[in-house]
């Protein structure tokens, strides 16, 4: 009984110590701030304090950092270290048995952080204009990522509703759920499911199941470049036909992300995908997406997107081969 009471006391004491924000950050200008480390992402350290609330500190301004809590620390090389953040000399931090240069760290995440603390993403709402039929479109979009120590889960959704002068309303939908397992220093692999619909391409529905492997080619506090290779099984149906077709396609894609943390923040990403068919000879589908976000006020961005979809051999005779368009939206971001 005595041992149980002692254990409960120690747990409560640890919780109180954590609530009292026992982490410390030393800034290059000489300031010492006591608080609680929430995360490091895209060169910004999210830090909670009692007096100032949540603040964001530019990572290259940090000289030293310490915390008794356990974190995942990711380096530019892709290698991950786990443990408390021990106080080291200027420009260094001790994680476990390793002393790491602060300039090589690109990510810090609490191991026992809450579910919400590990979520990041955005929500879009806006209007867009497309080439097809001089249309005005209502645009929505969402991306939510949950990052664990060994895996990440990503949900993505984009929708377009078109109001056209010469025809009935049309729509475009793309959604997907991806589970990615992280291993090695820069390697990952995963599976994903998704569904696409595009009235402009006569596509009533394309269900997809994909398996892939990825390699991070470059990673820093400002740039992230990744290449992917995989296979995808599809089931397609077109409005102009009653039949359903199945296919096997290759997946070759590259993703480039760049970000600037100076106010106002600026994020840009390009994703290019090629899907050569193993079922239909000579068929190749291409998908290119550009996204640029410019900060208006904290957590709200003005976002421009450009998409281009191409199919060299649609499985409906009258279906167009190409569709592209642009959107402007207001985005609410979280977790970055």
C-alpha atoms as a PDB file:
ATOM      1  CA  UNK A   1       0.000   0.000   0.000  1.00  0.00           C
ATOM      2  CA  UNK A   2       2.823   2.339   0.907  1.00  0.00           C
ATOM      3  CA  UNK A   3       4.584   1.582  -2.393  1.00  0.00           C
ATOM      4  CA  UNK A   4       1.345   2.286  -4.300  1.00  0.00           C
ATOM      5  CA  UNK A   5       0.953   5.686  -2.622  1.00  0.00           C
ATOM      6  CA  UNK A   6       4.563   6.557  -3.405  1.00  0.00           C
ATOM      7  CA  UNK A   7       4.041   5.593  -7.053  1.00  0.00           C
ATOM      8  CA  UNK A   8       0.905   7.706  -7.324  1.00  0.00           C
ATOM      9  CA  UNK A   9       2.725  10.642  -5.717  1.00  0.00           C
ATOM     10  CA  UNK A  10       5.609  10.376  -8.194  1.00  0.00           C
ATOM     11  CA  UNK A  11       3.212  10.247 -11.163  1.00  0.00           C
ATOM     12  CA  UNK A  12       1.313  13.275  -9.919  1.00  0.00           C
ATOM     13  CA  UNK A  13       4.542  15.102  -9.291  1.00  0.00           C
ATOM     14  CA  UNK A  14       5.751  14.325 -12.823  1.00  0.00           C
ATOM     15  CA  UNK A  15       2.442  15.574 -14.245  1.00  0.00           C
ATOM     16  CA  UNK A  16       2.677  18.789 -12.217  1.00  0.00           C
ATOM     17  CA  UNK A  17       6.272  19.309 -13.320  1.00  0.00           C
ATOM     18  CA  UNK A  18       5.208  18.936 -16.918  1.00  0.00           C
ATOM     19  CA  UNK A  19       2.256  21.292 -16.420  1.00  0.00           C
ATOM     20  CA  UNK A  20       4.661  23.850 -14.975  1.00  0.00           C
ATOM     21  CA  UNK A  21       6.449  23.959 -18.322  1.00  0.00           C
ATOM     22  CA  UNK A  22       9.958  22.902 -17.404  1.00  0.00           C
ATOM     23  CA  UNK A  23      11.443  23.049 -20.935  1.00  0.00           C
ATOM     24  CA  UNK A  24      13.968  25.755 -21.746  1.00  0.00           C
ATOM     25  CA  UNK A  25      15.074  27.528 -24.915  1.00  0.00           C
ATOM     26  CA  UNK A  26      18.033  29.889 -25.207  1.00  0.00           C
ATOM     27  CA  UNK A  27      17.747  32.397 -28.065  1.00  0.00           C
ATOM     28  CA  UNK A  28      20.698  33.809 -29.955  1.00  0.00           C
ATOM     29  CA  UNK A  29      19.984  37.322 -28.626  1.00  0.00           C
ATOM     30  CA  UNK A  30      20.562  36.082 -25.073  1.00  0.00           C
ATOM     31  CA  UNK A  31      16.926  35.515 -24.011  1.00  0.00           C
ATOM     32  CA  UNK A  32      16.084  32.413 -21.957  1.00  0.00           C
ATOM     33  CA  UNK A  33      12.448  31.272 -22.251  1.00  0.00           C
ATOM     34  CA  UNK A  34      10.866  28.646 -19.998  1.00  0.00           C
ATOM     35  CA  UNK A  35       7.884  26.819 -21.475  1.00  0.00           C
ATOM     36  CA  UNK A  36       6.847  23.603 -23.200  1.00  0.00           C
ATOM     37  CA  UNK A  37       8.070  22.321 -26.568  1.00  0.00           C
ATOM     38  CA  UNK A  38       5.133  21.360 -28.796  1.00  0.00           C
ATOM     39  CA  UNK A  39       6.919  20.599 -32.080  1.00  0.00           C
ATOM     40  CA  UNK A  40       9.450  21.686 -34.681  1.00  0.00           C
ATOM     41  CA  UNK A  41       8.264  21.768 -38.284  1.00  0.00           C
ATOM     42  CA  UNK A  42       9.372  23.745 -41.326  1.00  0.00           C
ATOM     43  CA  UNK A  43      12.018  25.640 -39.339  1.00  0.00           C
ATOM     44  CA  UNK A  44       9.532  26.962 -36.747  1.00  0.00           C
ATOM     45  CA  UNK A  45       9.602  25.793 -33.124  1.00  0.00           C
ATOM     46  CA  UNK A  46       6.107  25.831 -31.595  1.00  0.00           C
ATOM     47  CA  UNK A  47       6.555  26.696 -27.928  1.00  0.00           C
ATOM     48  CA  UNK A  48       3.956  27.202 -25.168  1.00  0.00           C
ATOM     49  CA  UNK A  49       4.594  29.688 -22.356  1.00  0.00           C
ATOM     50  CA  UNK A  50       2.569  30.809 -19.350  1.00  0.00           C
ATOM     51  CA  UNK A  51       3.004  34.537 -19.993  1.00  0.00           C
ATOM     52  CA  UNK A  52       3.060  34.791 -23.805  1.00  0.00           C
ATOM     53  CA  UNK A  53       0.839  31.861 -24.771  1.00  0.00           C
ATOM     54  CA  UNK A  54       1.958  29.843 -27.804  1.00  0.00           C
ATOM     55  CA  UNK A  55       4.811  31.419 -29.720  1.00  0.00           C
ATOM     56  CA  UNK A  56       6.779  30.401 -32.814  1.00  0.00           C
ATOM     57  CA  UNK A  57      10.566  30.690 -32.739  1.00  0.00           C
ATOM     58  CA  UNK A  58      12.692  30.593 -35.901  1.00  0.00           C
ATOM     59  CA  UNK A  59      14.882  27.520 -35.537  1.00  0.00           C
ATOM     60  CA  UNK A  60      18.083  29.198 -36.741  1.00  0.00           C
ATOM     61  CA  UNK A  61      17.719  31.676 -33.837  1.00  0.00           C
ATOM     62  CA  UNK A  62      17.875  28.882 -31.199  1.00  0.00           C
ATOM     63  CA  UNK A  63      21.242  28.380 -29.473  1.00  0.00           C
ATOM     64  CA  UNK A  64      20.338  25.671 -26.930  1.00  0.00           C
ATOM     65  CA  UNK A  65      17.266  23.688 -25.935  1.00  0.00           C
ATOM     66  CA  UNK A  66      16.385  21.227 -23.185  1.00  0.00           C
ATOM     67  CA  UNK A  67      13.386  19.159 -22.066  1.00  0.00           C
ATOM     68  CA  UNK A  68      12.865  16.136 -19.764  1.00  0.00           C
ATOM     69  CA  UNK A  69      10.103  14.786 -22.032  1.00  0.00           C
ATOM     70  CA  UNK A  70      10.722  12.160 -24.718  1.00  0.00           C
ATOM     71  CA  UNK A  71      10.797  13.310 -28.348  1.00  0.00           C
ATOM     72  CA  UNK A  72      11.380  11.996 -31.843  1.00  0.00           C
ATOM     73  CA  UNK A  73      14.141  14.106 -33.422  1.00  0.00           C
ATOM     74  CA  UNK A  74      14.601  13.883 -37.202  1.00  0.00           C
ATOM     75  CA  UNK A  75      17.768  14.984 -38.989  1.00  0.00           C
ATOM     76  CA  UNK A  76      18.391  16.242 -42.530  1.00  0.00           C
ATOM     77  CA  UNK A  77      19.804  12.787 -43.348  1.00  0.00           C
ATOM     78  CA  UNK A  78      16.447  11.219 -42.449  1.00  0.00           C
ATOM     79  CA  UNK A  79      17.836   9.482 -39.361  1.00  0.00           C
ATOM     80  CA  UNK A  80      15.657   9.617 -36.235  1.00  0.00           C
ATOM     81  CA  UNK A  81      16.721   9.823 -32.605  1.00  0.00           C
ATOM     82  CA  UNK A  82      14.529   9.278 -29.546  1.00  0.00           C
ATOM     83  CA  UNK A  83      14.842  10.545 -26.006  1.00  0.00           C
ATOM     84  CA  UNK A  84      14.819  13.641 -23.769  1.00  0.00           C
ATOM     85  CA  UNK A  85      16.543  16.800 -24.989  1.00  0.00           C
ATOM     86  CA  UNK A  86      19.636  17.212 -22.840  1.00  0.00           C
ATOM     87  CA  UNK A  87      21.441  20.516 -22.424  1.00  0.00           C
ATOM     88  CA  UNK A  88      24.519  20.715 -24.624  1.00  0.00           C
ATOM     89  CA  UNK A  89      26.991  23.412 -25.666  1.00  0.00           C
ATOM     90  CA  UNK A  90      25.831  26.276 -27.870  1.00  0.00           C
ATOM     91  CA  UNK A  91      24.485  24.918 -31.180  1.00  0.00           C
ATOM     92  CA  UNK A  92      24.156  21.341 -29.896  1.00  0.00           C
ATOM     93  CA  UNK A  93      21.570  19.183 -28.123  1.00  0.00           C
ATOM     94  CA  UNK A  94      22.018  15.808 -26.413  1.00  0.00           C
ATOM     95  CA  UNK A  95      19.450  13.142 -27.388  1.00  0.00           C
ATOM     96  CA  UNK A  96      20.082   9.845 -25.638  1.00  0.00           C
ATOM     97  CA  UNK A  97      23.762   9.006 -26.130  1.00  0.00           C
ATOM     98  CA  UNK A  98      24.140  11.275 -29.174  1.00  0.00           C
ATOM     99  CA  UNK A  99      25.092  14.939 -29.420  1.00  0.00           C
ATOM    100  CA  UNK A 100      23.341  16.514 -32.416  1.00  0.00           C
ATOM    101  CA  UNK A 101      23.952  19.859 -34.158  1.00  0.00           C
ATOM    102  CA  UNK A 102      20.784  21.985 -34.055  1.00  0.00           C
ATOM    103  CA  UNK A 103      21.310  23.062 -37.672  1.00  0.00           C
ATOM    104  CA  UNK A 104      20.871  19.433 -38.838  1.00  0.00           C
ATOM    105  CA  UNK A 105      17.500  18.952 -37.094  1.00  0.00           C
ATOM    106  CA  UNK A 106      14.401  19.305 -39.299  1.00  0.00           C
ATOM    107  CA  UNK A 107      11.698  17.872 -37.038  1.00  0.00           C
ATOM    108  CA  UNK A 108      10.860  17.425 -33.347  1.00  0.00           C
ATOM    109  CA  UNK A 109       7.680  15.661 -32.190  1.00  0.00           C
ATOM    110  CA  UNK A 110       6.622  14.533 -28.703  1.00  0.00           C
ATOM    111  CA  UNK A 111       6.460  10.744 -28.418  1.00  0.00           C
ATOM    112  CA  UNK A 112       3.482  10.834 -26.042  1.00  0.00           C
ATOM    113  CA  UNK A 113       1.799  13.814 -27.655  1.00  0.00           C
ATOM    114  CA  UNK A 114      -1.980  13.888 -27.945  1.00  0.00           C
ATOM    115  CA  UNK A 115      -3.777  12.898 -31.131  1.00  0.00           C
ATOM    116  CA  UNK A 116      -4.442  16.553 -31.993  1.00  0.00           C
ATOM    117  CA  UNK A 117      -0.781  17.440 -31.468  1.00  0.00           C
ATOM    118  CA  UNK A 118       0.200  14.977 -34.193  1.00  0.00           C
ATOM    119  CA  UNK A 119      -2.293  16.247 -36.786  1.00  0.00           C
ATOM    120  CA  UNK A 120      -1.390  18.738 -39.506  1.00  0.00           C
ATOM    121  CA  UNK A 121      -3.002  19.884 -42.733  1.00  0.00           C
ATOM    122  CA  UNK A 122      -5.343  22.436 -44.271  1.00  0.00           C
ATOM    123  CA  UNK A 123      -8.936  23.160 -45.262  1.00  0.00           C
ATOM    124  CA  UNK A 124      -9.703  25.143 -48.458  1.00  0.00           C
ATOM    125  CA  UNK A 125     -12.760  27.078 -49.567  1.00  0.00           C
ATOM    126  CA  UNK A 126     -12.960  29.280 -52.633  1.00  0.00           C
ATOM    127  CA  UNK A 127     -13.976  29.934 -56.205  1.00  0.00           C
ATOM    128  CA  UNK A 128     -12.137  28.931 -59.347  1.00  0.00           C
ATOM    129  CA  UNK A 129     -12.173  29.423 -63.100  1.00  0.00           C
ATOM    130  CA  UNK A 130     -11.615  26.691 -65.690  1.00  0.00           C
ATOM    131  CA  UNK A 131     -11.033  26.706 -69.404  1.00  0.00           C
ATOM    132  CA  UNK A 132     -13.897  24.334 -70.094  1.00  0.00           C
ATOM    133  CA  UNK A 133     -17.072  26.282 -71.018  1.00  0.00           C
ATOM    134  CA  UNK A 134     -15.892  29.448 -69.201  1.00  0.00           C
ATOM    135  CA  UNK A 135     -17.200  28.127 -65.932  1.00  0.00           C
ATOM    136  CA  UNK A 136     -17.303  29.398 -62.388  1.00  0.00           C
ATOM    137  CA  UNK A 137     -16.626  26.722 -59.782  1.00  0.00           C
ATOM    138  CA  UNK A 138     -17.045  26.326 -56.055  1.00  0.00           C
ATOM    139  CA  UNK A 139     -13.924  24.672 -54.694  1.00  0.00           C
ATOM    140  CA  UNK A 140     -13.314  22.804 -51.461  1.00  0.00           C
ATOM    141  CA  UNK A 141     -10.283  20.870 -50.349  1.00  0.00           C
ATOM    142  CA  UNK A 142      -8.787  19.198 -47.317  1.00  0.00           C
ATOM    143  CA  UNK A 143      -5.628  17.416 -46.283  1.00  0.00           C
ATOM    144  CA  UNK A 144      -5.138  15.865 -42.848  1.00  0.00           C
ATOM    145  CA  UNK A 145      -1.971  13.990 -41.840  1.00  0.00           C
ATOM    146  CA  UNK A 146      -1.379  12.024 -38.642  1.00  0.00           C
ATOM    147  CA  UNK A 147       2.309  11.400 -37.969  1.00  0.00           C
ATOM    148  CA  UNK A 148       3.382   8.586 -35.669  1.00  0.00           C
ATOM    149  CA  UNK A 149       6.863   7.367 -34.815  1.00  0.00           C
ATOM    150  CA  UNK A 150       6.883   4.619 -37.468  1.00  0.00           C
ATOM    151  CA  UNK A 151       4.035   5.563 -39.805  1.00  0.00           C
ATOM    152  CA  UNK A 152       1.896   8.377 -41.140  1.00  0.00           C
ATOM    153  CA  UNK A 153      -1.706   8.431 -42.308  1.00  0.00           C
ATOM    154  CA  UNK A 154      -2.898  10.980 -44.876  1.00  0.00           C
ATOM    155  CA  UNK A 155      -6.445  11.804 -45.976  1.00  0.00           C
ATOM    156  CA  UNK A 156      -6.943  14.102 -48.992  1.00  0.00           C
ATOM    157  CA  UNK A 157     -10.080  15.473 -50.652  1.00  0.00           C
ATOM    158  CA  UNK A 158     -10.763  17.993 -53.421  1.00  0.00           C
ATOM    159  CA  UNK A 159     -14.134  18.858 -54.963  1.00  0.00           C
ATOM    160  CA  UNK A 160     -15.240  21.188 -57.759  1.00  0.00           C
ATOM    161  CA  UNK A 161     -18.846  22.120 -58.524  1.00  0.00           C
ATOM    162  CA  UNK A 162     -19.306  23.870 -61.879  1.00  0.00           C
ATOM    163  CA  UNK A 163     -22.088  26.242 -62.879  1.00  0.00           C
ATOM    164  CA  UNK A 164     -21.968  26.542 -66.680  1.00  0.00           C
ATOM    165  CA  UNK A 165     -23.831  28.777 -69.096  1.00  0.00           C
ATOM    166  CA  UNK A 166     -24.425  26.132 -71.743  1.00  0.00           C
ATOM    167  CA  UNK A 167     -25.050  22.960 -69.757  1.00  0.00           C
ATOM    168  CA  UNK A 168     -26.119  21.457 -66.482  1.00  0.00           C
ATOM    169  CA  UNK A 169     -23.874  21.574 -63.451  1.00  0.00           C
ATOM    170  CA  UNK A 170     -20.812  19.334 -63.564  1.00  0.00           C
ATOM    171  CA  UNK A 171     -18.433  18.198 -60.889  1.00  0.00           C
ATOM    172  CA  UNK A 172     -14.965  16.877 -60.174  1.00  0.00           C
ATOM    173  CA  UNK A 173     -13.993  14.830 -57.129  1.00  0.00           C
ATOM    174  CA  UNK A 174     -10.758  13.245 -55.964  1.00  0.00           C
ATOM    175  CA  UNK A 175     -10.235  11.600 -52.594  1.00  0.00           C
ATOM    176  CA  UNK A 176      -7.682   9.254 -51.115  1.00  0.00           C
ATOM    177  CA  UNK A 177      -6.471   7.618 -47.917  1.00  0.00           C
ATOM    178  CA  UNK A 178      -2.805   6.604 -47.649  1.00  0.00           C
ATOM    179  CA  UNK A 179      -0.928   4.683 -44.989  1.00  0.00           C
ATOM    180  CA  UNK A 180       2.856   5.102 -45.188  1.00  0.00           C
ATOM    181  CA  UNK A 181       5.355   3.069 -43.127  1.00  0.00           C
ATOM    182  CA  UNK A 182       8.695   4.748 -42.352  1.00  0.00           C
ATOM    183  CA  UNK A 183      11.897   2.748 -42.201  1.00  0.00           C
ATOM    184  CA  UNK A 184      15.592   3.300 -42.761  1.00  0.00           C
ATOM    185  CA  UNK A 185      16.732   6.905 -42.992  1.00  0.00           C
ATOM    186  CA  UNK A 186      14.970   8.077 -46.148  1.00  0.00           C
ATOM    187  CA  UNK A 187      12.837   5.134 -47.239  1.00  0.00           C
ATOM    188  CA  UNK A 188       9.138   4.444 -46.822  1.00  0.00           C
ATOM    189  CA  UNK A 189       6.459   2.199 -48.295  1.00  0.00           C
ATOM    190  CA  UNK A 190       2.718   2.047 -48.098  1.00  0.00           C
ATOM    191  CA  UNK A 191      -0.716   1.387 -49.498  1.00  0.00           C
ATOM    192  CA  UNK A 192      -3.536   3.682 -50.490  1.00  0.00           C
ATOM    193  CA  UNK A 193      -7.129   3.660 -51.669  1.00  0.00           C
ATOM    194  CA  UNK A 194      -8.984   6.380 -53.503  1.00  0.00           C
ATOM    195  CA  UNK A 195     -11.793   7.427 -55.805  1.00  0.00           C
ATOM    196  CA  UNK A 196     -11.922   9.929 -58.697  1.00  0.00           C
ATOM    197  CA  UNK A 197     -14.808  11.410 -60.662  1.00  0.00           C
ATOM    198  CA  UNK A 198     -14.596  13.976 -63.447  1.00  0.00           C
ATOM    199  CA  UNK A 199     -17.631  14.950 -65.520  1.00  0.00           C
ATOM    200  CA  UNK A 200     -15.484  16.886 -67.989  1.00  0.00           C
ATOM    201  CA  UNK A 201     -13.540  13.694 -68.831  1.00  0.00           C
ATOM    202  CA  UNK A 202     -16.761  11.595 -68.909  1.00  0.00           C
ATOM    203  CA  UNK A 203     -15.381   9.684 -65.912  1.00  0.00           C
ATOM    204  CA  UNK A 204     -18.220   8.458 -63.701  1.00  0.00           C
ATOM    205  CA  UNK A 205     -15.834   6.813 -61.268  1.00  0.00           C
ATOM    206  CA  UNK A 206     -12.354   5.399 -60.885  1.00  0.00           C
ATOM    207  CA  UNK A 207     -11.655   3.337 -57.774  1.00  0.00           C
ATOM    208  CA  UNK A 208      -7.982   2.717 -57.106  1.00  0.00           C
ATOM    209  CA  UNK A 209      -5.805   0.563 -54.881  1.00  0.00           C
ATOM    210  CA  UNK A 210      -2.097   1.335 -54.828  1.00  0.00           C
ATOM    211  CA  UNK A 211       1.056  -0.089 -53.304  1.00  0.00           C
ATOM    212  CA  UNK A 212       4.238   1.969 -53.443  1.00  0.00           C
ATOM    213  CA  UNK A 213       7.750   2.615 -52.209  1.00  0.00           C
ATOM    214  CA  UNK A 214       9.278   6.062 -51.649  1.00  0.00           C
ATOM    215  CA  UNK A 215      12.687   7.627 -51.319  1.00  0.00           C
ATOM    216  CA  UNK A 216      13.282  11.085 -49.842  1.00  0.00           C
ATOM    217  CA  UNK A 217      15.860  12.674 -52.149  1.00  0.00           C
ATOM    218  CA  UNK A 218      16.390  15.901 -50.223  1.00  0.00           C
ATOM    219  CA  UNK A 219      15.143  17.269 -46.916  1.00  0.00           C
ATOM    220  CA  UNK A 220      15.908  20.442 -45.000  1.00  0.00           C
ATOM    221  CA  UNK A 221      14.119  23.181 -43.095  1.00  0.00           C
ATOM    222  CA  UNK A 222      13.138  24.749 -46.421  1.00  0.00           C
ATOM    223  CA  UNK A 223      12.851  21.941 -49.016  1.00  0.00           C
ATOM    224  CA  UNK A 224      11.451  18.408 -49.187  1.00  0.00           C
ATOM    225  CA  UNK A 225      11.823  16.271 -52.350  1.00  0.00           C
ATOM    226  CA  UNK A 226      10.450  12.732 -52.687  1.00  0.00           C
ATOM    227  CA  UNK A 227      10.213  10.130 -55.479  1.00  0.00           C
ATOM    228  CA  UNK A 228       7.655   7.276 -55.557  1.00  0.00           C
ATOM    229  CA  UNK A 229       7.344   4.044 -57.519  1.00  0.00           C
ATOM    230  CA  UNK A 230       4.524   1.520 -57.354  1.00  0.00           C
ATOM    231  CA  UNK A 231       1.622  -0.415 -58.876  1.00  0.00           C
ATOM    232  CA  UNK A 232      -2.063   0.457 -58.964  1.00  0.00           C
ATOM    233  CA  UNK A 233      -5.216  -1.564 -59.627  1.00  0.00           C
ATOM    234  CA  UNK A 234      -8.148   0.441 -61.024  1.00  0.00           C
ATOM    235  CA  UNK A 235     -11.839  -0.034 -61.742  1.00  0.00           C
ATOM    236  CA  UNK A 236     -13.257   2.539 -64.180  1.00  0.00           C
ATOM    237  CA  UNK A 237     -16.705   3.474 -65.367  1.00  0.00           C
ATOM    238  CA  UNK A 238     -17.675   6.192 -67.862  1.00  0.00           C
ATOM    239  CA  UNK A 239     -20.970   8.068 -68.260  1.00  0.00           C
ATOM    240  CA  UNK A 240     -21.242   7.263 -71.977  1.00  0.00           C
ATOM    241  CA  UNK A 241     -20.832   3.493 -71.538  1.00  0.00           C
ATOM    242  CA  UNK A 242     -22.535   0.904 -69.364  1.00  0.00           C
ATOM    243  CA  UNK A 243     -19.490  -1.324 -68.938  1.00  0.00           C
ATOM    244  CA  UNK A 244     -16.918  -1.366 -66.169  1.00  0.00           C
ATOM    245  CA  UNK A 245     -13.236  -1.958 -66.925  1.00  0.00           C
ATOM    246  CA  UNK A 246     -10.392  -3.107 -64.717  1.00  0.00           C
ATOM    247  CA  UNK A 247      -6.753  -2.231 -65.185  1.00  0.00           C
ATOM    248  CA  UNK A 248      -3.230  -2.505 -63.817  1.00  0.00           C
ATOM    249  CA  UNK A 249      -1.023   0.578 -63.983  1.00  0.00           C
ATOM    250  CA  UNK A 250       2.456   1.554 -62.934  1.00  0.00           C
ATOM    251  CA  UNK A 251       2.986   4.581 -60.711  1.00  0.00           C
ATOM    252  CA  UNK A 252       5.920   6.958 -61.163  1.00  0.00           C
ATOM    253  CA  UNK A 253       5.744  10.255 -59.306  1.00  0.00           C
ATOM    254  CA  UNK A 254       7.801  13.038 -57.782  1.00  0.00           C
ATOM    255  CA  UNK A 255       6.882  15.598 -55.110  1.00  0.00           C
ATOM    256  CA  UNK A 256       8.635  18.907 -54.435  1.00  0.00           C
ATOM    257  CA  UNK A 257       7.789  21.051 -51.412  1.00  0.00           C
ATOM    258  CA  UNK A 258       9.362  24.371 -50.462  1.00  0.00           C
ATOM    259  CA  UNK A 259       8.492  26.653 -47.553  1.00  0.00           C
ATOM    260  CA  UNK A 260       9.549  30.017 -46.135  1.00  0.00           C
ATOM    261  CA  UNK A 261       8.912  30.720 -42.460  1.00  0.00           C
ATOM    262  CA  UNK A 262       9.618  34.480 -42.507  1.00  0.00           C
ATOM    263  CA  UNK A 263       6.469  36.566 -42.184  1.00  0.00           C
ATOM    264  CA  UNK A 264       4.449  36.309 -44.307  1.00  0.00           C
ATOM    265  CA  UNK A 265       4.894  32.558 -44.699  1.00  0.00           C
ATOM    266  CA  UNK A 266       5.014  31.117 -48.219  1.00  0.00           C
ATOM    267  CA  UNK A 267       4.533  27.440 -49.139  1.00  0.00           C
ATOM    268  CA  UNK A 268       4.783  25.883 -52.597  1.00  0.00           C
ATOM    269  CA  UNK A 269       4.404  22.298 -53.797  1.00  0.00           C
ATOM    270  CA  UNK A 270       4.475  20.480 -57.127  1.00  0.00           C
ATOM    271  CA  UNK A 271       3.362  16.880 -57.589  1.00  0.00           C
ATOM    272  CA  UNK A 272       3.752  15.115 -60.942  1.00  0.00           C
ATOM    273  CA  UNK A 273       2.414  11.596 -61.518  1.00  0.00           C
ATOM    274  CA  UNK A 274       2.558   9.208 -64.478  1.00  0.00           C
ATOM    275  CA  UNK A 275       0.428   6.056 -64.744  1.00  0.00           C
ATOM    276  CA  UNK A 276       1.530   3.792 -67.641  1.00  0.00           C
ATOM    277  CA  UNK A 277      -1.024   1.046 -68.250  1.00  0.00           C
ATOM    278  CA  UNK A 278      -0.075  -2.630 -68.346  1.00  0.00           C
ATOM    279  CA  UNK A 279      -3.611  -3.520 -69.475  1.00  0.00           C
ATOM    280  CA  UNK A 280      -4.222  -1.119 -72.392  1.00  0.00           C
ATOM    281  CA  UNK A 281      -1.277  -0.923 -74.779  1.00  0.00           C
ATOM    282  CA  UNK A 282       0.001   2.611 -75.286  1.00  0.00           C
ATOM    283  CA  UNK A 283      -2.167   4.171 -72.599  1.00  0.00           C
ATOM    284  CA  UNK A 284      -0.541   6.651 -70.198  1.00  0.00           C
ATOM    285  CA  UNK A 285      -2.330   8.909 -67.722  1.00  0.00           C
ATOM    286  CA  UNK A 286      -0.655  12.032 -66.337  1.00  0.00           C
ATOM    287  CA  UNK A 287      -1.633  14.136 -63.328  1.00  0.00           C
ATOM    288  CA  UNK A 288       0.135  17.379 -62.387  1.00  0.00           C
ATOM    289  CA  UNK A 289      -0.768  19.578 -59.406  1.00  0.00           C
ATOM    290  CA  UNK A 290       0.703  22.905 -58.304  1.00  0.00           C
ATOM    291  CA  UNK A 291      -0.158  24.567 -54.981  1.00  0.00           C
ATOM    292  CA  UNK A 292       1.112  27.927 -53.680  1.00  0.00           C
ATOM    293  CA  UNK A 293      -0.038  29.414 -50.339  1.00  0.00           C
ATOM    294  CA  UNK A 294       0.695  32.937 -49.079  1.00  0.00           C
ATOM    295  CA  UNK A 295      -0.029  33.890 -45.474  1.00  0.00           C
ATOM    296  CA  UNK A 296      -2.683  36.565 -44.921  1.00  0.00           C
ATOM    297  CA  UNK A 297      -2.941  36.351 -41.120  1.00  0.00           C
ATOM    298  CA  UNK A 298      -1.886  33.665 -38.660  1.00  0.00           C
ATOM    299  CA  UNK A 299      -3.090  30.214 -39.816  1.00  0.00           C
ATOM    300  CA  UNK A 300      -4.976  31.639 -42.831  1.00  0.00           C
ATOM    301  CA  UNK A 301      -3.493  31.575 -46.319  1.00  0.00           C
ATOM    302  CA  UNK A 302      -4.423  32.730 -49.807  1.00  0.00           C
ATOM    303  CA  UNK A 303      -3.979  29.612 -51.934  1.00  0.00           C
ATOM    304  CA  UNK A 304      -3.593  29.223 -55.699  1.00  0.00           C
ATOM    305  CA  UNK A 305      -3.780  25.778 -57.298  1.00  0.00           C
ATOM    306  CA  UNK A 306      -3.374  24.508 -60.830  1.00  0.00           C
ATOM    307  CA  UNK A 307      -4.278  20.982 -61.946  1.00  0.00           C
ATOM    308  CA  UNK A 308      -3.836  19.194 -65.261  1.00  0.00           C
ATOM    309  CA  UNK A 309      -5.259  15.726 -66.029  1.00  0.00           C
ATOM    310  CA  UNK A 310      -4.371  13.845 -69.229  1.00  0.00           C
ATOM    311  CA  UNK A 311      -5.337  10.402 -70.546  1.00  0.00           C
ATOM    312  CA  UNK A 312      -3.809   9.263 -73.854  1.00  0.00           C
ATOM    313  CA  UNK A 313      -6.464   6.540 -74.369  1.00  0.00           C
ATOM    314  CA  UNK A 314      -9.685   7.091 -72.384  1.00  0.00           C
ATOM    315  CA  UNK A 315     -11.796   3.940 -72.125  1.00  0.00           C
ATOM    316  CA  UNK A 316     -14.798   5.743 -73.620  1.00  0.00           C
ATOM    317  CA  UNK A 317     -14.646   6.726 -77.297  1.00  0.00           C
ATOM    318  CA  UNK A 318     -16.102  10.218 -76.910  1.00  0.00           C
ATOM    319  CA  UNK A 319     -14.276  11.110 -73.693  1.00  0.00           C
ATOM    320  CA  UNK A 320     -11.912  14.136 -73.825  1.00  0.00           C
ATOM    321  CA  UNK A 321      -8.238  13.457 -73.194  1.00  0.00           C
ATOM    322  CA  UNK A 322      -7.420  16.539 -71.150  1.00  0.00           C
ATOM    323  CA  UNK A 323      -8.813  18.765 -68.408  1.00  0.00           C
ATOM    324  CA  UNK A 324      -7.078  21.541 -66.514  1.00  0.00           C
ATOM    325  CA  UNK A 325      -8.031  24.427 -64.294  1.00  0.00           C
ATOM    326  CA  UNK A 326      -7.043  26.908 -61.609  1.00  0.00           C
ATOM    327  CA  UNK A 327      -8.479  27.811 -58.227  1.00  0.00           C
ATOM    328  CA  UNK A 328      -8.123  30.588 -55.674  1.00  0.00           C
ATOM    329  CA  UNK A 329      -9.110  29.739 -52.124  1.00  0.00           C
ATOM    330  CA  UNK A 330      -8.795  30.831 -48.528  1.00  0.00           C
ATOM    331  CA  UNK A 331      -7.044  28.107 -46.526  1.00  0.00           C
ATOM    332  CA  UNK A 332      -6.981  27.423 -42.820  1.00  0.00           C
ATOM    333  CA  UNK A 333      -3.826  25.567 -41.822  1.00  0.00           C
ATOM    334  CA  UNK A 334      -3.130  23.673 -38.626  1.00  0.00           C
ATOM    335  CA  UNK A 335      -0.283  21.704 -37.094  1.00  0.00           C
ATOM    336  CA  UNK A 336       2.546  23.254 -39.163  1.00  0.00           C
END
